[in-house]
């Protein structure tokens, strides 16, 4: 019996199992990351929104002259 071939076969099978186990662990980690919401930055739902800057900008835009020409003469 060829011991070298038998050992090589066992080594290949062991490597394949290890590779499959690592792949499964990576897949499980990805699934856990997406279900826990680690995809992007967290939204701070409890922080107050400052609307004073937004309303000042809206008022300035309303008082500014229009950039759209109103002359419809041919």
N, C-alpha and C. Protein backbone atom coordinates (compact mmCIF):
# COMPACT_ATOMS: atom_id res chain seq x y z
N UNK A 1 0.85 -1.19 0.00
CA UNK A 1 0.00 0.00 0.00
C UNK A 1 0.90 1.25 0.00
N UNK A 2 0.47 2.23 -0.75
CA UNK A 2 1.26 3.45 -0.89
C UNK A 2 0.86 4.43 0.22
N UNK A 3 1.70 4.54 1.24
CA UNK A 3 1.38 5.42 2.37
C UNK A 3 1.42 6.89 1.98
N UNK A 4 2.29 7.23 1.06
CA UNK A 4 2.41 8.62 0.65
C UNK A 4 1.12 9.10 -0.02
N UNK A 5 0.53 8.29 -0.88
CA UNK A 5 -0.71 8.65 -1.56
C UNK A 5 -1.87 8.73 -0.57
N UNK A 6 -1.90 7.81 0.38
CA UNK A 6 -2.97 7.80 1.38
C UNK A 6 -2.88 9.05 2.25
N UNK A 7 -1.68 9.39 2.66
CA UNK A 7 -1.51 10.60 3.47
C UNK A 7 -1.90 11.85 2.68
N UNK A 8 -1.52 11.90 1.42
CA UNK A 8 -1.86 13.05 0.58
C UNK A 8 -3.37 13.18 0.42
N UNK A 9 -4.04 12.03 0.26
CA UNK A 9 -5.51 12.06 0.12
C UNK A 9 -6.15 12.57 1.40
N UNK A 10 -5.68 12.08 2.54
CA UNK A 10 -6.22 12.55 3.83
C UNK A 10 -5.96 14.04 4.01
N UNK A 11 -4.78 14.48 3.61
CA UNK A 11 -4.43 15.90 3.75
C UNK A 11 -5.34 16.76 2.88
N UNK A 12 -5.59 16.30 1.65
CA UNK A 12 -6.49 17.05 0.75
C UNK A 12 -7.90 17.13 1.33
N UNK A 13 -8.40 16.01 1.84
CA UNK A 13 -9.74 16.00 2.42
C UNK A 13 -9.81 16.91 3.64
N UNK A 14 -8.77 16.89 4.45
CA UNK A 14 -8.73 17.75 5.63
C UNK A 14 -8.70 19.23 5.22
N UNK A 15 -7.91 19.55 4.18
CA UNK A 15 -7.84 20.93 3.70
C UNK A 15 -9.19 21.39 3.15
N UNK A 16 -9.88 20.50 2.44
CA UNK A 16 -11.19 20.85 1.90
C UNK A 16 -12.19 21.11 3.02
N UNK A 17 -12.15 20.28 4.05
CA UNK A 17 -13.06 20.48 5.18
C UNK A 17 -12.76 21.79 5.89
N UNK A 18 -11.48 22.08 6.09
CA UNK A 18 -11.10 23.34 6.73
C UNK A 18 -11.55 24.54 5.91
N UNK A 19 -11.36 24.44 4.61
CA UNK A 19 -11.77 25.53 3.73
C UNK A 19 -13.29 25.73 3.78
N UNK A 20 -14.04 24.64 3.76
CA UNK A 20 -15.50 24.72 3.84
C UNK A 20 -15.94 25.31 5.17
N UNK A 21 -15.27 24.93 6.27
CA UNK A 21 -15.60 25.46 7.59
C UNK A 21 -15.34 26.96 7.65
N UNK A 22 -14.21 27.41 7.11
CA UNK A 22 -13.90 28.84 7.09
C UNK A 22 -14.90 29.61 6.26
N UNK A 23 -15.29 29.04 5.13
CA UNK A 23 -16.27 29.68 4.26
C UNK A 23 -17.61 29.83 4.98
N UNK A 24 -18.03 28.79 5.68
CA UNK A 24 -19.27 28.84 6.43
C UNK A 24 -19.21 29.87 7.55
N UNK A 25 -18.06 29.98 8.22
CA UNK A 25 -17.91 30.98 9.28
C UNK A 25 -17.99 32.39 8.71
N UNK A 26 -17.36 32.62 7.55
CA UNK A 26 -17.44 33.95 6.93
C UNK A 26 -18.87 34.28 6.53
N UNK A 27 -19.58 33.29 5.99
CA UNK A 27 -20.97 33.50 5.59
C UNK A 27 -21.84 33.84 6.80
N UNK A 28 -21.64 33.11 7.89
CA UNK A 28 -22.41 33.37 9.11
C UNK A 28 -22.09 34.76 9.66
N UNK A 29 -20.84 35.16 9.59
CA UNK A 29 -20.46 36.49 10.08
C UNK A 29 -21.11 37.59 9.24
N UNK A 30 -21.15 37.38 7.92
CA UNK A 30 -21.81 38.37 7.05
C UNK A 30 -23.30 38.46 7.35
N UNK A 31 -23.94 37.33 7.55
CA UNK A 31 -25.37 37.33 7.84
C UNK A 31 -25.65 38.00 9.18
N UNK A 32 -24.81 37.74 10.17
CA UNK A 32 -24.99 38.38 11.47
C UNK A 32 -24.77 39.87 11.39
N UNK A 33 -23.83 40.30 10.58
CA UNK A 33 -23.54 41.73 10.45
C UNK A 33 -24.71 42.46 9.80
N UNK A 34 -25.36 41.86 8.82
CA UNK A 34 -26.47 42.53 8.15
C UNK A 34 -27.72 42.52 9.00
N UNK A 35 -27.92 41.49 9.82
CA UNK A 35 -29.12 41.46 10.64
C UNK A 35 -29.01 42.38 11.85
N UNK A 36 -27.79 42.67 12.30
CA UNK A 36 -27.64 43.56 13.44
C UNK A 36 -27.52 45.02 13.02
N UNK A 37 -27.54 45.29 11.74
CA UNK A 37 -27.52 46.67 11.28
C UNK A 37 -26.15 47.28 11.22
N UNK A 38 -25.10 46.53 11.00
CA UNK A 38 -23.75 47.06 10.95
C UNK A 38 -23.36 47.45 9.53
N UNK A 39 -24.32 47.68 8.68
CA UNK A 39 -24.00 48.00 7.29
C UNK A 39 -23.40 49.40 7.14
N UNK A 40 -23.93 50.36 7.81
CA UNK A 40 -23.44 51.71 7.64
C UNK A 40 -23.51 52.48 8.95
N UNK A 41 -23.37 53.79 8.85
CA UNK A 41 -23.43 54.59 10.08
C UNK A 41 -24.82 54.54 10.71
N UNK A 42 -24.83 54.57 12.01
CA UNK A 42 -26.08 54.50 12.74
C UNK A 42 -26.80 55.85 12.70
N UNK A 43 -28.11 55.82 12.61
CA UNK A 43 -28.91 57.04 12.62
C UNK A 43 -29.23 57.38 14.06
N UNK A 44 -28.98 58.62 14.42
CA UNK A 44 -29.25 59.07 15.79
C UNK A 44 -30.69 59.58 15.84
N UNK A 45 -31.60 58.68 16.14
CA UNK A 45 -33.02 59.03 16.14
C UNK A 45 -33.38 59.92 17.32
N UNK A 46 -32.61 59.88 18.39
CA UNK A 46 -32.96 60.62 19.59
C UNK A 46 -32.35 62.02 19.63
N UNK A 47 -31.56 62.40 18.62
CA UNK A 47 -30.97 63.74 18.62
C UNK A 47 -31.96 64.75 18.07
N UNK A 48 -31.93 65.94 18.65
CA UNK A 48 -32.81 67.02 18.21
C UNK A 48 -32.28 67.62 16.91
N UNK A 49 -33.20 68.09 16.06
CA UNK A 49 -32.82 68.68 14.79
C UNK A 49 -32.89 70.20 14.92
N UNK A 50 -31.83 70.89 14.48
CA UNK A 50 -31.79 72.34 14.53
C UNK A 50 -32.39 72.89 13.24
N UNK A 51 -33.58 73.48 13.33
CA UNK A 51 -34.28 73.97 12.14
C UNK A 51 -34.03 75.45 11.89
N UNK A 52 -33.30 76.14 12.75
CA UNK A 52 -33.10 77.57 12.57
C UNK A 52 -32.24 77.85 11.33
N UNK A 53 -31.23 77.05 11.09
CA UNK A 53 -30.37 77.25 9.92
C UNK A 53 -31.13 76.94 8.65
N UNK A 54 -31.97 75.94 8.66
CA UNK A 54 -32.73 75.57 7.47
C UNK A 54 -33.76 76.64 7.14
N UNK A 55 -34.42 77.21 8.15
CA UNK A 55 -35.44 78.22 7.87
C UNK A 55 -34.79 79.52 7.41
N UNK A 56 -33.61 79.85 7.92
CA UNK A 56 -32.91 81.06 7.48
C UNK A 56 -32.50 80.91 6.02
N UNK A 57 -32.06 79.75 5.63
CA UNK A 57 -31.67 79.51 4.24
C UNK A 57 -32.89 79.58 3.32
N UNK A 58 -34.03 79.09 3.75
CA UNK A 58 -35.25 79.14 2.95
C UNK A 58 -35.72 80.58 2.76
N UNK A 59 -35.64 81.38 3.82
CA UNK A 59 -36.05 82.78 3.71
C UNK A 59 -35.13 83.55 2.76
N UNK A 60 -33.84 83.28 2.82
CA UNK A 60 -32.89 83.95 1.94
C UNK A 60 -33.15 83.59 0.49
N UNK A 61 -33.49 82.35 0.24
CA UNK A 61 -33.79 81.92 -1.12
C UNK A 61 -35.09 82.56 -1.63
N UNK A 62 -36.06 82.75 -0.74
CA UNK A 62 -37.33 83.34 -1.14
C UNK A 62 -37.15 84.81 -1.49
N UNK A 63 -36.25 85.51 -0.81
CA UNK A 63 -36.03 86.93 -1.05
C UNK A 63 -35.04 87.20 -2.18
N UNK A 64 -34.33 86.20 -2.65
CA UNK A 64 -33.33 86.38 -3.70
C UNK A 64 -34.02 86.52 -5.06
N UNK A 65 -33.41 87.27 -5.98
CA UNK A 65 -34.00 87.40 -7.31
C UNK A 65 -33.97 86.06 -8.03
N UNK A 66 -34.96 85.85 -8.87
CA UNK A 66 -35.06 84.59 -9.59
C UNK A 66 -34.02 84.53 -10.70
N UNK A 67 -33.48 83.37 -10.92
CA UNK A 67 -32.52 83.17 -11.99
C UNK A 67 -33.20 82.73 -13.29
N UNK A 68 -34.50 82.50 -13.22
CA UNK A 68 -35.25 82.04 -14.39
C UNK A 68 -35.76 83.28 -15.13
N UNK A 69 -35.47 83.41 -16.40
CA UNK A 69 -35.97 84.57 -17.15
C UNK A 69 -37.50 84.49 -17.31
N UNK A 70 -38.16 85.65 -17.17
CA UNK A 70 -39.60 85.69 -17.27
C UNK A 70 -40.08 86.34 -18.57
N UNK A 71 -39.18 86.73 -19.41
CA UNK A 71 -39.53 87.37 -20.66
C UNK A 71 -39.93 86.29 -21.69
N UNK A 72 -41.20 86.30 -22.09
CA UNK A 72 -41.71 85.30 -23.02
C UNK A 72 -41.89 85.87 -24.43
N UNK A 73 -41.34 87.04 -24.72
CA UNK A 73 -41.51 87.63 -26.05
C UNK A 73 -40.69 86.85 -27.08
N UNK A 74 -41.25 86.66 -28.28
CA UNK A 74 -40.53 85.90 -29.30
C UNK A 74 -39.38 86.64 -29.94
